[in-house]
């Protein structure tokens, strides 16, 4: 014979009445449905801007490579700096 284990609600979080348990479950459901995605932190936004600026510097360096190689090298140096 096999045994089946039933998943039960922990008694620690259970209220004294059925209505209280239903209300707590409804509140948890509402909180899950209405949960918003966390906002981007300022550090993440700054990292995105920094990556964009670095990409732009490399793009400019590629444009200047044939006409002004020293300028292109300087732009690559600036882009590689952290």
PDB file of N, CA and C in Angstrom:
ATOM      1  N   UNK A   1       0.837  -1.175   0.000  1.00  0.00           N
ATOM      2  CA  UNK A   1       0.000   0.000   0.000  1.00  0.00           C
ATOM      3  C   UNK A   1       0.881   1.237   0.000  1.00  0.00           C
ATOM      4  N   UNK A   2       0.349   2.269  -0.533  1.00  0.00           N
ATOM      5  CA  UNK A   2       1.103   3.522  -0.563  1.00  0.00           C
ATOM      6  C   UNK A   2       0.484   4.529   0.388  1.00  0.00           C
ATOM      7  N   UNK A   3       1.323   5.370   0.880  1.00  0.00           N
ATOM      8  CA  UNK A   3       0.835   6.430   1.760  1.00  0.00           C
ATOM      9  C   UNK A   3       0.755   7.721   0.973  1.00  0.00           C
ATOM     10  N   UNK A   4      -0.226   8.470   1.235  1.00  0.00           N
ATOM     11  CA  UNK A   4      -0.321   9.785   0.604  1.00  0.00           C
ATOM     12  C   UNK A   4      -0.208  10.842   1.688  1.00  0.00           C
ATOM     13  N   UNK A   5       0.566  11.830   1.394  1.00  0.00           N
ATOM     14  CA  UNK A   5       0.721  12.936   2.330  1.00  0.00           C
ATOM     15  C   UNK A   5      -0.134  14.094   1.851  1.00  0.00           C
ATOM     16  N   UNK A   6      -0.930  14.590   2.730  1.00  0.00           N
ATOM     17  CA  UNK A   6      -1.771  15.721   2.385  1.00  0.00           C
ATOM     18  C   UNK A   6      -1.070  17.008   2.781  1.00  0.00           C
ATOM     19  N   UNK A   7      -1.054  17.943   1.855  1.00  0.00           N
ATOM     20  CA  UNK A   7      -0.486  19.250   2.172  1.00  0.00           C
ATOM     21  C   UNK A   7      -1.518  20.009   2.981  1.00  0.00           C
ATOM     22  N   UNK A   8      -1.112  20.465   4.124  1.00  0.00           N
ATOM     23  CA  UNK A   8      -2.038  21.191   4.988  1.00  0.00           C
ATOM     24  C   UNK A   8      -1.523  22.592   5.230  1.00  0.00           C
ATOM     25  N   UNK A   9      -2.416  23.445   5.601  1.00  0.00           N
ATOM     26  CA  UNK A   9      -2.076  24.825   5.926  1.00  0.00           C
ATOM     27  C   UNK A   9      -1.431  24.830   7.298  1.00  0.00           C
ATOM     28  N   UNK A  10      -0.293  25.507   7.464  1.00  0.00           N
ATOM     29  CA  UNK A  10       0.367  25.502   8.779  1.00  0.00           C
ATOM     30  C   UNK A  10      -0.528  26.093   9.858  1.00  0.00           C
ATOM     31  N   UNK A  11      -0.574  25.430  10.982  1.00  0.00           N
ATOM     32  CA  UNK A  11      -1.428  25.879  12.081  1.00  0.00           C
ATOM     33  C   UNK A  11      -0.950  27.193  12.678  1.00  0.00           C
ATOM     34  N   UNK A  12       0.305  27.529  12.458  1.00  0.00           N
ATOM     35  CA  UNK A  12       0.844  28.777  13.003  1.00  0.00           C
ATOM     36  C   UNK A  12       0.126  29.981  12.402  1.00  0.00           C
ATOM     37  N   UNK A  13      -0.185  29.907  11.105  1.00  0.00           N
ATOM     38  CA  UNK A  13      -0.812  31.030  10.415  1.00  0.00           C
ATOM     39  C   UNK A  13      -2.336  30.929  10.374  1.00  0.00           C
ATOM     40  N   UNK A  14      -2.873  29.890  10.914  1.00  0.00           N
ATOM     41  CA  UNK A  14      -4.316  29.695  10.866  1.00  0.00           C
ATOM     42  C   UNK A  14      -5.000  30.549  11.920  1.00  0.00           C
ATOM     43  N   UNK A  15      -6.121  31.124  11.525  1.00  0.00           N
ATOM     44  CA  UNK A  15      -6.905  31.916  12.464  1.00  0.00           C
ATOM     45  C   UNK A  15      -7.841  31.031  13.253  1.00  0.00           C
ATOM     46  N   UNK A  16      -8.500  31.600  14.260  1.00  0.00           N
ATOM     47  CA  UNK A  16      -9.407  30.802  15.086  1.00  0.00           C
ATOM     48  C   UNK A  16     -10.706  30.443  14.364  1.00  0.00           C
ATOM     49  N   UNK A  17     -11.026  31.150  13.285  1.00  0.00           N
ATOM     50  CA  UNK A  17     -12.296  30.855  12.615  1.00  0.00           C
ATOM     51  C   UNK A  17     -12.082  30.666  11.116  1.00  0.00           C
ATOM     52  N   UNK A  18     -13.035  29.997  10.518  1.00  0.00           N
ATOM     53  CA  UNK A  18     -12.998  29.766   9.081  1.00  0.00           C
ATOM     54  C   UNK A  18     -13.068  31.089   8.329  1.00  0.00           C
ATOM     55  N   UNK A  19     -13.910  32.014   8.768  1.00  0.00           N
ATOM     56  CA  UNK A  19     -14.066  33.306   8.095  1.00  0.00           C
ATOM     57  C   UNK A  19     -12.754  34.096   8.106  1.00  0.00           C
ATOM     58  N   UNK A  20     -12.038  34.032   9.213  1.00  0.00           N
ATOM     59  CA  UNK A  20     -10.757  34.746   9.279  1.00  0.00           C
ATOM     60  C   UNK A  20      -9.753  34.140   8.302  1.00  0.00           C
ATOM     61  N   UNK A  21      -9.743  32.828   8.183  1.00  0.00           N
ATOM     62  CA  UNK A  21      -8.847  32.179   7.231  1.00  0.00           C
ATOM     63  C   UNK A  21      -9.200  32.539   5.791  1.00  0.00           C
ATOM     64  N   UNK A  22     -10.500  32.589   5.480  1.00  0.00           N
ATOM     65  CA  UNK A  22     -10.935  32.960   4.131  1.00  0.00           C
ATOM     66  C   UNK A  22     -10.561  34.408   3.844  1.00  0.00           C
ATOM     67  N   UNK A  23     -10.750  35.287   4.819  1.00  0.00           N
ATOM     68  CA  UNK A  23     -10.399  36.697   4.631  1.00  0.00           C
ATOM     69  C   UNK A  23      -8.896  36.855   4.409  1.00  0.00           C
ATOM     70  N   UNK A  24      -8.100  36.128   5.176  1.00  0.00           N
ATOM     71  CA  UNK A  24      -6.644  36.199   5.013  1.00  0.00           C
ATOM     72  C   UNK A  24      -6.234  35.694   3.631  1.00  0.00           C
ATOM     73  N   UNK A  25      -6.864  34.631   3.163  1.00  0.00           N
ATOM     74  CA  UNK A  25      -6.564  34.105   1.833  1.00  0.00           C
ATOM     75  C   UNK A  25      -6.979  35.093   0.749  1.00  0.00           C
ATOM     76  N   UNK A  26      -8.129  35.752   0.932  1.00  0.00           N
ATOM     77  CA  UNK A  26      -8.584  36.747  -0.040  1.00  0.00           C
ATOM     78  C   UNK A  26      -7.627  37.931  -0.095  1.00  0.00           C
ATOM     79  N   UNK A  27      -7.146  38.373   1.053  1.00  0.00           N
ATOM     80  CA  UNK A  27      -6.186  39.472   1.075  1.00  0.00           C
ATOM     81  C   UNK A  27      -4.874  39.075   0.397  1.00  0.00           C
ATOM     82  N   UNK A  28      -4.425  37.853   0.624  1.00  0.00           N
ATOM     83  CA  UNK A  28      -3.197  37.381  -0.013  1.00  0.00           C
ATOM     84  C   UNK A  28      -3.371  37.300  -1.526  1.00  0.00           C
ATOM     85  N   UNK A  29      -4.543  36.849  -1.976  1.00  0.00           N
ATOM     86  CA  UNK A  29      -4.823  36.786  -3.405  1.00  0.00           C
ATOM     87  C   UNK A  29      -4.851  38.181  -4.009  1.00  0.00           C
ATOM     88  N   UNK A  30      -5.521  39.120  -3.347  1.00  0.00           N
ATOM     89  CA  UNK A  30      -5.585  40.493  -3.850  1.00  0.00           C
ATOM     90  C   UNK A  30      -4.191  41.110  -3.913  1.00  0.00           C
ATOM     91  N   UNK A  31      -3.369  40.853  -2.910  1.00  0.00           N
ATOM     92  CA  UNK A  31      -2.009  41.388  -2.915  1.00  0.00           C
ATOM     93  C   UNK A  31      -1.195  40.808  -4.069  1.00  0.00           C
ATOM     94  N   UNK A  32      -1.390  39.531  -4.368  1.00  0.00           N
ATOM     95  CA  UNK A  32      -0.660  38.900  -5.462  1.00  0.00           C
ATOM     96  C   UNK A  32      -1.132  39.416  -6.815  1.00  0.00           C
ATOM     97  N   UNK A  33      -2.426  39.633  -6.962  1.00  0.00           N
ATOM     98  CA  UNK A  33      -2.971  40.113  -8.231  1.00  0.00           C
ATOM     99  C   UNK A  33      -2.562  41.555  -8.485  1.00  0.00           C
ATOM    100  N   UNK A  34      -2.564  42.369  -7.445  1.00  0.00           N
ATOM    101  CA  UNK A  34      -2.270  43.787  -7.601  1.00  0.00           C
ATOM    102  C   UNK A  34      -0.790  44.122  -7.445  1.00  0.00           C
ATOM    103  N   UNK A  35       0.034  43.115  -7.290  1.00  0.00           N
ATOM    104  CA  UNK A  35       1.466  43.369  -7.100  1.00  0.00           C
ATOM    105  C   UNK A  35       2.043  44.011  -8.353  1.00  0.00           C
ATOM    106  N   UNK A  36       2.819  45.060  -8.140  1.00  0.00           N
ATOM    107  CA  UNK A  36       3.457  45.756  -9.242  1.00  0.00           C
ATOM    108  C   UNK A  36       4.913  45.337  -9.323  1.00  0.00           C
ATOM    109  N   UNK A  37       5.454  45.434 -10.521  1.00  0.00           N
ATOM    110  CA  UNK A  37       6.870  45.127 -10.689  1.00  0.00           C
ATOM    111  C   UNK A  37       7.690  46.185  -9.957  1.00  0.00           C
ATOM    112  N   UNK A  38       8.774  45.784  -9.345  1.00  0.00           N
ATOM    113  CA  UNK A  38       9.595  46.767  -8.634  1.00  0.00           C
ATOM    114  C   UNK A  38      10.201  47.772  -9.605  1.00  0.00           C
ATOM    115  N   UNK A  39      10.322  49.001  -9.162  1.00  0.00           N
ATOM    116  CA  UNK A  39      10.896  50.040  -9.997  1.00  0.00           C
ATOM    117  C   UNK A  39      12.388  49.806 -10.164  1.00  0.00           C
ATOM    118  N   UNK A  40      12.905  50.245 -11.313  1.00  0.00           N
ATOM    119  CA  UNK A  40      14.336  50.141 -11.538  1.00  0.00           C
ATOM    120  C   UNK A  40      15.060  51.041 -10.548  1.00  0.00           C
ATOM    121  N   UNK A  41      16.124  50.541 -10.036  1.00  0.00           N
ATOM    122  CA  UNK A  41      16.904  51.362  -9.117  1.00  0.00           C
ATOM    123  C   UNK A  41      17.706  52.379  -9.920  1.00  0.00           C
ATOM    124  N   UNK A  42      18.144  53.407  -9.245  1.00  0.00           N
ATOM    125  CA  UNK A  42      18.917  54.452  -9.896  1.00  0.00           C
ATOM    126  C   UNK A  42      20.224  53.890 -10.439  1.00  0.00           C
ATOM    127  N   UNK A  43      20.810  52.930  -9.759  1.00  0.00           N
ATOM    128  CA  UNK A  43      22.066  52.332 -10.211  1.00  0.00           C
ATOM    129  C   UNK A  43      21.875  51.587 -11.534  1.00  0.00           C
ATOM    130  N   UNK A  44      20.752  50.904 -11.683  1.00  0.00           N
ATOM    131  CA  UNK A  44      20.475  50.181 -12.926  1.00  0.00           C
ATOM    132  C   UNK A  44      20.298  51.174 -14.066  1.00  0.00           C
ATOM    133  N   UNK A  45      19.598  52.264 -13.803  1.00  0.00           N
ATOM    134  CA  UNK A  45      19.383  53.285 -14.828  1.00  0.00           C
ATOM    135  C   UNK A  45      20.711  53.925 -15.229  1.00  0.00           C
ATOM    136  N   UNK A  46      21.569  54.218 -14.267  1.00  0.00           N
ATOM    137  CA  UNK A  46      22.870  54.815 -14.571  1.00  0.00           C
ATOM    138  C   UNK A  46      23.738  53.857 -15.376  1.00  0.00           C
ATOM    139  N   UNK A  47      23.671  52.571 -15.069  1.00  0.00           N
ATOM    140  CA  UNK A  47      24.434  51.575 -15.828  1.00  0.00           C
ATOM    141  C   UNK A  47      23.952  51.524 -17.275  1.00  0.00           C
ATOM    142  N   UNK A  48      22.654  51.627 -17.481  1.00  0.00           N
ATOM    143  CA  UNK A  48      22.097  51.620 -18.833  1.00  0.00           C
ATOM    144  C   UNK A  48      22.589  52.842 -19.610  1.00  0.00           C
ATOM    145  N   UNK A  49      22.577  54.005 -18.987  1.00  0.00           N
ATOM    146  CA  UNK A  49      23.042  55.232 -19.640  1.00  0.00           C
ATOM    147  C   UNK A  49      24.530  55.121 -19.959  1.00  0.00           C
ATOM    148  N   UNK A  50      25.310  54.570 -19.024  1.00  0.00           N
ATOM    149  CA  UNK A  50      26.751  54.427 -19.248  1.00  0.00           C
ATOM    150  C   UNK A  50      27.034  53.496 -20.427  1.00  0.00           C
ATOM    151  N   UNK A  51      26.292  52.393 -20.515  1.00  0.00           N
ATOM    152  CA  UNK A  51      26.482  51.466 -21.635  1.00  0.00           C
ATOM    153  C   UNK A  51      26.123  52.129 -22.956  1.00  0.00           C
ATOM    154  N   UNK A  52      25.058  52.924 -22.957  1.00  0.00           N
ATOM    155  CA  UNK A  52      24.649  53.631 -24.173  1.00  0.00           C
ATOM    156  C   UNK A  52      25.735  54.620 -24.599  1.00  0.00           C
ATOM    157  N   UNK A  53      26.285  55.371 -23.643  1.00  0.00           N
ATOM    158  CA  UNK A  53      27.331  56.340 -23.960  1.00  0.00           C
ATOM    159  C   UNK A  53      28.590  55.654 -24.482  1.00  0.00           C
ATOM    160  N   UNK A  54      28.946  54.523 -23.906  1.00  0.00           N
ATOM    161  CA  UNK A  54      30.113  53.774 -24.367  1.00  0.00           C
ATOM    162  C   UNK A  54      29.911  53.298 -25.798  1.00  0.00           C
ATOM    163  N   UNK A  55      28.722  52.812 -26.097  1.00  0.00           N
ATOM    164  CA  UNK A  55      28.412  52.360 -27.454  1.00  0.00           C
ATOM    165  C   UNK A  55      28.512  53.512 -28.440  1.00  0.00           C
ATOM    166  N   UNK A  56      28.022  54.676 -28.049  1.00  0.00           N
ATOM    167  CA  UNK A  56      28.094  55.848 -28.924  1.00  0.00           C
ATOM    168  C   UNK A  56      29.545  56.265 -29.173  1.00  0.00           C
ATOM    169  N   UNK A  57      30.392  56.199 -28.156  1.00  0.00           N
ATOM    170  CA  UNK A  57      31.802  56.547 -28.347  1.00  0.00           C
ATOM    171  C   UNK A  57      32.484  55.581 -29.313  1.00  0.00           C
ATOM    172  N   UNK A  58      32.200  54.300 -29.206  1.00  0.00           N
ATOM    173  CA  UNK A  58      32.773  53.335 -30.146  1.00  0.00           C
ATOM    174  C   UNK A  58      32.252  53.578 -31.563  1.00  0.00           C
ATOM    175  N   UNK A  59      30.982  53.941 -31.687  1.00  0.00           N
ATOM    176  CA  UNK A  59      30.423  54.235 -33.010  1.00  0.00           C
ATOM    177  C   UNK A  59      31.123  55.438 -33.632  1.00  0.00           C
ATOM    178  N   UNK A  60      31.334  56.492 -32.843  1.00  0.00           N
ATOM    179  CA  UNK A  60      32.049  57.665 -33.343  1.00  0.00           C
ATOM    180  C   UNK A  60      33.489  57.313 -33.721  1.00  0.00           C
ATOM    181  N   UNK A  61      34.128  56.480 -32.928  1.00  0.00           N
ATOM    182  CA  UNK A  61      35.501  56.073 -33.227  1.00  0.00           C
ATOM    183  C   UNK A  61      35.572  55.352 -34.563  1.00  0.00           C
ATOM    184  N   UNK A  62      34.603  54.529 -34.862  1.00  0.00           N
ATOM    185  CA  UNK A  62      34.583  53.828 -36.149  1.00  0.00           C
ATOM    186  C   UNK A  62      34.394  54.800 -37.305  1.00  0.00           C
ATOM    187  N   UNK A  63      33.618  55.857 -37.099  1.00  0.00           N
ATOM    188  CA  UNK A  63      33.416  56.854 -38.154  1.00  0.00           C
ATOM    189  C   UNK A  63      34.704  57.629 -38.443  1.00  0.00           C
ATOM    190  N   UNK A  64      35.498  57.916 -37.419  1.00  0.00           N
ATOM    191  CA  UNK A  64      36.708  58.715 -37.582  1.00  0.00           C
ATOM    192  C   UNK A  64      37.945  57.880 -37.929  1.00  0.00           C
ATOM    193  N   UNK A  65      37.820  56.580 -38.000  1.00  0.00           N
ATOM    194  CA  UNK A  65      38.984  55.711 -38.186  1.00  0.00           C
ATOM    195  C   UNK A  65      39.750  56.028 -39.463  1.00  0.00           C
ATOM    196  N   UNK A  66      39.072  56.245 -40.577  1.00  0.00           N
ATOM    197  CA  UNK A  66      39.778  56.468 -41.847  1.00  0.00           C
ATOM    198  C   UNK A  66      40.318  57.891 -41.966  1.00  0.00           C
ATOM    199  N   UNK A  67      39.613  58.873 -41.455  1.00  0.00           N
ATOM    200  CA  UNK A  67      40.056  60.261 -41.618  1.00  0.00           C
ATOM    201  C   UNK A  67      40.964  60.748 -40.493  1.00  0.00           C
ATOM    202  N   UNK A  68      40.694  60.361 -39.252  1.00  0.00           N
ATOM    203  CA  UNK A  68      41.485  60.817 -38.104  1.00  0.00           C
ATOM    204  C   UNK A  68      41.741  59.642 -37.157  1.00  0.00           C
ATOM    205  N   UNK A  69      42.739  58.821 -37.459  1.00  0.00           N
ATOM    206  CA  UNK A  69      42.967  57.637 -36.627  1.00  0.00           C
ATOM    207  C   UNK A  69      43.348  57.965 -35.179  1.00  0.00           C
ATOM    208  N   UNK A  70      44.068  59.068 -34.966  1.00  0.00           N
ATOM    209  CA  UNK A  70      44.432  59.410 -33.586  1.00  0.00           C
ATOM    210  C   UNK A  70      43.197  59.820 -32.781  1.00  0.00           C
ATOM    211  N   UNK A  71      42.258  60.512 -33.432  1.00  0.00           N
ATOM    212  CA  UNK A  71      41.003  60.879 -32.764  1.00  0.00           C
ATOM    213  C   UNK A  71      40.198  59.619 -32.433  1.00  0.00           C
ATOM    214  N   UNK A  72      40.175  58.665 -33.361  1.00  0.00           N
ATOM    215  CA  UNK A  72      39.462  57.409 -33.125  1.00  0.00           C
ATOM    216  C   UNK A  72      40.086  56.652 -31.953  1.00  0.00           C
ATOM    217  N   UNK A  73      41.421  56.653 -31.880  1.00  0.00           N
ATOM    218  CA  UNK A  73      42.092  55.975 -30.769  1.00  0.00           C
ATOM    219  C   UNK A  73      41.755  56.649 -29.443  1.00  0.00           C
ATOM    220  N   UNK A  74      41.691  57.966 -29.441  1.00  0.00           N
ATOM    221  CA  UNK A  74      41.342  58.692 -28.215  1.00  0.00           C
ATOM    222  C   UNK A  74      39.905  58.383 -27.785  1.00  0.00           C
ATOM    223  N   UNK A  75      38.990  58.304 -28.741  1.00  0.00           N
ATOM    224  CA  UNK A  75      37.596  57.973 -28.415  1.00  0.00           C
ATOM    225  C   UNK A  75      37.496  56.557 -27.848  1.00  0.00           C
ATOM    226  N   UNK A  76      38.249  55.628 -28.422  1.00  0.00           N
ATOM    227  CA  UNK A  76      38.236  54.256 -27.894  1.00  0.00           C
ATOM    228  C   UNK A  76      38.815  54.210 -26.484  1.00  0.00           C
ATOM    229  N   UNK A  77      39.838  55.023 -26.258  1.00  0.00           N
ATOM    230  CA  UNK A  77      40.421  55.082 -24.916  1.00  0.00           C
ATOM    231  C   UNK A  77      39.396  55.611 -23.911  1.00  0.00           C
ATOM    232  N   UNK A  78      38.667  56.653 -24.292  1.00  0.00           N
ATOM    233  CA  UNK A  78      37.634  57.203 -23.403  1.00  0.00           C
ATOM    234  C   UNK A  78      36.518  56.192 -23.153  1.00  0.00           C
ATOM    235  N   UNK A  79      36.144  55.454 -24.203  1.00  0.00           N
ATOM    236  CA  UNK A  79      35.065  54.474 -24.054  1.00  0.00           C
ATOM    237  C   UNK A  79      35.492  53.317 -23.158  1.00  0.00           C
ATOM    238  N   UNK A  80      36.770  52.962 -23.191  1.00  0.00           N
ATOM    239  CA  UNK A  80      37.249  51.846 -22.391  1.00  0.00           C
ATOM    240  C   UNK A  80      37.498  52.191 -20.939  1.00  0.00           C
ATOM    241  N   UNK A  81      37.474  53.460 -20.626  1.00  0.00           N
ATOM    242  CA  UNK A  81      37.717  53.900 -19.250  1.00  0.00           C
ATOM    243  C   UNK A  81      36.490  53.679 -18.396  1.00  0.00           C
ATOM    244  N   UNK A  82      36.684  53.283 -17.167  1.00  0.00           N
ATOM    245  CA  UNK A  82      35.547  53.124 -16.244  1.00  0.00           C
ATOM    246  C   UNK A  82      35.713  54.006 -15.066  1.00  0.00           C
TER     247      UNK A  82
END
